[in-house]
C-alpha atoms as a PDB file:
ATOM      1  CA  GLN A   1      -6.359  11.191 -14.660  1.00  0.00           C
ATOM      2  CA  VAL A   2      -6.226   9.402 -11.683  1.00  0.00           C
ATOM      3  CA  GLN A   3      -4.395  10.778  -8.178  1.00  0.00           C
ATOM      4  CA  LEU A   4      -3.591   8.241  -4.957  1.00  0.00           C
ATOM      5  CA  VAL A   5      -3.382   9.985  -2.139  1.00  0.00           C
ATOM      6  CA  GLU A   6      -1.552   7.845   1.197  1.00  0.00           C
ATOM      7  CA  SER A   7      -2.101   8.774   4.389  1.00  0.00           C
ATOM      8  CA  GLY A   8      -1.165   6.704   7.947  1.00  0.00           C
ATOM      9  CA  GLY A   9       2.672   7.214   8.195  1.00  0.00           C
ATOM     10  CA  GLY A  10       4.467   8.078  11.289  1.00  0.00           C
ATOM     11  CA  LEU A  11       6.696   7.108  13.927  1.00  0.00           C
ATOM     12  CA  VAL A  12       5.885   4.074  15.769  1.00  0.00           C
ATOM     13  CA  GLN A  13       7.867   2.121  18.446  1.00  0.00           C
ATOM     14  CA  PRO A  14       8.990  -2.094  17.824  1.00  0.00           C
ATOM     15  CA  GLY A  15       6.385  -4.151  18.301  1.00  0.00           C
ATOM     16  CA  GLY A  16       3.867  -0.947  17.357  1.00  0.00           C
ATOM     17  CA  SER A  17       0.839  -0.598  14.664  1.00  0.00           C
ATOM     18  CA  LEU A  18      -0.014   1.761  12.154  1.00  0.00           C
ATOM     19  CA  ARG A  19      -2.391   1.938   9.074  1.00  0.00           C
ATOM     20  CA  LEU A  20      -2.275   3.112   5.813  1.00  0.00           C
ATOM     21  CA  SER A  21      -4.526   4.613   3.597  1.00  0.00           C
ATOM     22  CA  CYS A  22      -4.193   5.101  -0.061  1.00  0.00           C
ATOM     23  CA  ALA A  23      -7.224   6.617  -1.857  1.00  0.00           C
ATOM     24  CA  ALA A  24      -7.929   6.979  -5.325  1.00  0.00           C
ATOM     25  CA  SER A  25      -9.990   9.464  -7.065  1.00  0.00           C
ATOM     26  CA  GLY A  26     -10.103  10.769 -11.002  1.00  0.00           C
ATOM     27  CA  SER A  27     -11.181   9.110 -13.901  1.00  0.00           C
ATOM     28  CA  ILE A  28     -11.718   5.113 -12.810  1.00  0.00           C
ATOM     29  CA  LEU A  29     -13.793   2.535 -14.382  1.00  0.00           C
ATOM     30  CA  SER A  30     -12.570   0.128 -12.081  1.00  0.00           C
ATOM     31  CA  ILE A  31      -9.027  -0.750  -9.690  1.00  0.00           C
ATOM     32  CA  ALA A  32      -7.674  -4.751 -10.849  1.00  0.00           C
ATOM     33  CA  THR A  33      -5.131  -4.622  -7.973  1.00  0.00           C
ATOM     34  CA  MET A  34      -3.962  -2.788  -5.700  1.00  0.00           C
ATOM     35  CA  GLY A  35      -0.657  -2.965  -3.733  1.00  0.00           C
ATOM     36  CA  TRP A  36       1.952  -1.403  -1.351  1.00  0.00           C
ATOM     37  CA  TYR A  37       5.402  -1.097  -1.544  1.00  0.00           C
ATOM     38  CA  ARG A  38       8.489   0.009   0.495  1.00  0.00           C
ATOM     39  CA  GLN A  39      11.904   1.317   0.033  1.00  0.00           C
ATOM     40  CA  ALA A  40      14.275   1.871   2.283  1.00  0.00           C
ATOM     41  CA  PRO A  41      17.214   3.982   1.930  1.00  0.00           C
ATOM     42  CA  GLY A  42      19.903   2.731  -0.860  1.00  0.00           C
ATOM     43  CA  LYS A  43      17.691  -0.281  -1.269  1.00  0.00           C
ATOM     44  CA  GLN A  44      15.711  -1.158  -4.437  1.00  0.00           C
ATOM     45  CA  ARG A  45      11.666  -0.684  -3.931  1.00  0.00           C
ATOM     46  CA  GLU A  46      10.036  -3.661  -2.665  1.00  0.00           C
ATOM     47  CA  LEU A  47       6.801  -5.236  -2.625  1.00  0.00           C
ATOM     48  CA  VAL A  48       5.287  -5.648   0.712  1.00  0.00           C
ATOM     49  CA  ALA A  49       1.186  -6.570  -0.245  1.00  0.00           C
ATOM     50  CA  THR A  50      -1.057  -7.018  -2.934  1.00  0.00           C
ATOM     51  CA  LEU A  51      -4.495  -7.159  -3.653  1.00  0.00           C
ATOM     52  CA  THR A  52      -5.905  -8.759  -6.807  1.00  0.00           C
ATOM     53  CA  THR A  53      -9.579  -7.217  -6.804  1.00  0.00           C
ATOM     54  CA  GLY A  54     -11.589 -10.078  -8.868  1.00  0.00           C
ATOM     55  CA  SER A  55     -10.548 -12.748  -6.973  1.00  0.00           C
ATOM     56  CA  GLY A  56      -9.723 -11.065  -3.818  1.00  0.00           C
ATOM     57  CA  ARG A  57      -6.542 -13.524  -3.929  1.00  0.00           C
ATOM     58  CA  THR A  58      -3.674 -11.492  -1.468  1.00  0.00           C
ATOM     59  CA  ASN A  59      -0.259 -12.119  -2.017  1.00  0.00           C
ATOM     60  CA  PHE A  60       2.704 -10.546   0.977  1.00  0.00           C
ATOM     61  CA  ALA A  61       6.186 -10.421   0.471  1.00  0.00           C
ATOM     62  CA  ASP A  62       7.911 -12.812   2.746  1.00  0.00           C
ATOM     63  CA  SER A  63       9.333 -10.567   6.036  1.00  0.00           C
ATOM     64  CA  VAL A  64       5.588  -9.202   6.792  1.00  0.00           C
ATOM     65  CA  LYS A  65       3.415 -12.882   6.231  1.00  0.00           C
ATOM     66  CA  GLY A  66       1.497 -12.611   9.266  1.00  0.00           C
ATOM     67  CA  ARG A  67       1.867  -9.174  10.346  1.00  0.00           C
ATOM     68  CA  PHE A  68       0.543  -6.534   8.045  1.00  0.00           C
ATOM     69  CA  ALA A  69      -2.510  -7.049   5.969  1.00  0.00           C
ATOM     70  CA  ILE A  70      -4.540  -5.884   2.807  1.00  0.00           C
ATOM     71  CA  SER A  71      -7.731  -4.558   2.841  1.00  0.00           C
ATOM     72  CA  ARG A  72     -10.213  -2.453   0.152  1.00  0.00           C
ATOM     73  CA  ASP A  73     -13.463  -0.532   0.480  1.00  0.00           C
ATOM     74  CA  ASN A  74     -14.783  -0.753  -3.378  1.00  0.00           C
ATOM     75  CA  ALA A  75     -16.582   2.101  -2.993  1.00  0.00           C
ATOM     76  CA  LYS A  76     -14.660   4.910  -1.525  1.00  0.00           C
ATOM     77  CA  ASN A  77     -11.437   3.482  -4.363  1.00  0.00           C
ATOM     78  CA  THR A  78      -9.264   2.925  -1.112  1.00  0.00           C
ATOM     79  CA  VAL A  79      -7.021   0.151  -0.027  1.00  0.00           C
ATOM     80  CA  TYR A  80      -5.877   0.109   3.779  1.00  0.00           C
ATOM     81  CA  LEU A  81      -2.299  -1.900   4.973  1.00  0.00           C
ATOM     82  CA  GLN A  82      -2.731  -2.598   8.681  1.00  0.00           C
ATOM     83  CA  MET A  83       1.152  -2.661   9.663  1.00  0.00           C
ATOM     84  CA  ASN A  84       1.442  -4.823  12.917  1.00  0.00           C
ATOM     85  CA  ARG A  85       4.038  -6.110  15.447  1.00  0.00           C
ATOM     86  CA  LEU A  86       6.359  -3.253  13.335  1.00  0.00           C
ATOM     87  CA  LYS A  87      10.108  -3.560  13.514  1.00  0.00           C
ATOM     88  CA  PRO A  88      12.627  -1.348  13.000  1.00  0.00           C
ATOM     89  CA  GLU A  89      13.199  -3.221   8.897  1.00  0.00           C
ATOM     90  CA  ASP A  90      10.107  -2.250   8.048  1.00  0.00           C
ATOM     91  CA  ALA A  91      10.925   1.236   8.166  1.00  0.00           C
ATOM     92  CA  ALA A  92      10.919   2.711   4.728  1.00  0.00           C
ATOM     93  CA  VAL A  93       8.463   5.045   2.477  1.00  0.00           C
ATOM     94  CA  TYR A  94       6.068   3.132   1.615  1.00  0.00           C
ATOM     95  CA  TYR A  95       4.168   3.642  -1.765  1.00  0.00           C
ATOM     96  CA  CYS A  96       0.454   2.175  -2.976  1.00  0.00           C
ATOM     97  CA  LYS A  97       0.262   1.589  -6.471  1.00  0.00           C
ATOM     98  CA  MET A  98      -2.924   0.829  -8.101  1.00  0.00           C
ATOM     99  CA  ASP A  99      -3.131  -0.615 -12.120  1.00  0.00           C
ATOM    100  CA  VAL A 100      -6.460   1.307 -12.630  1.00  0.00           C
ATOM    101  CA  VAL A 101      -8.995   1.012 -16.005  1.00  0.00           C
ATOM    102  CA  SER A 102     -10.128   3.608 -17.734  1.00  0.00           C
ATOM    103  CA  GLY A 103     -11.036   4.138 -21.686  1.00  0.00           C
ATOM    104  CA  GLY A 104     -10.662   0.995 -22.262  1.00  0.00           C
ATOM    105  CA  LEU A 105      -6.904   0.453 -20.801  1.00  0.00           C
ATOM    106  CA  MET A 106      -5.537  -0.072 -17.949  1.00  0.00           C
ATOM    107  CA  TYR A 107      -2.123   1.820 -16.135  1.00  0.00           C
ATOM    108  CA  PRO A 108      -0.563   1.538 -13.318  1.00  0.00           C
ATOM    109  CA  TYR A 109      -0.411   5.061 -11.003  1.00  0.00           C
ATOM    110  CA  TRP A 110       1.479   5.442  -7.627  1.00  0.00           C
ATOM    111  CA  GLY A 111       1.368   7.754  -4.724  1.00  0.00           C
ATOM    112  CA  GLN A 112       3.259  10.066  -3.669  1.00  0.00           C
ATOM    113  CA  GLY A 113       4.733   7.711  -0.765  1.00  0.00           C
ATOM    114  CA  THR A 114       4.358   8.397   2.660  1.00  0.00           C
ATOM    115  CA  GLN A 115       7.004   7.602   5.467  1.00  0.00           C
ATOM    116  CA  VAL A 116       7.109   4.866   8.158  1.00  0.00           C
ATOM    117  CA  THR A 117       9.729   5.099  11.052  1.00  0.00           C
ATOM    118  CA  VAL A 118      10.100   2.547  13.835  1.00  0.00           C
ATOM    119  CA  SER A 119      12.558   3.119  16.069  1.00  0.00           C
ATOM    120  CA  SER A 120      12.271   3.734  20.349  1.00  0.00           C
END
């Protein structure tokens, strides 16, 4: 079993910054991809950013390009989302997702979600 634990959400004023963290623990051989998604009330969950660990390739939603950065700490099986110049429309529950290789197979795991509120 693998667990993802997120932290770092909260209330921030427009233009401010937050850093989200997501740490994986459990039976992990390797992690193929790490990513962040978000879901605002009444909306579908959407991709924010992904990172492919083998290539280091990153992918961002157009709405966050130039403001958000995704990074990882391999030793800690942790992925980060640095969010800068936050806007009210960035408010949502943010979920991390990792595609974990374990026992020769790959499984998707999700974090429990962390609330980000952007308001003055």
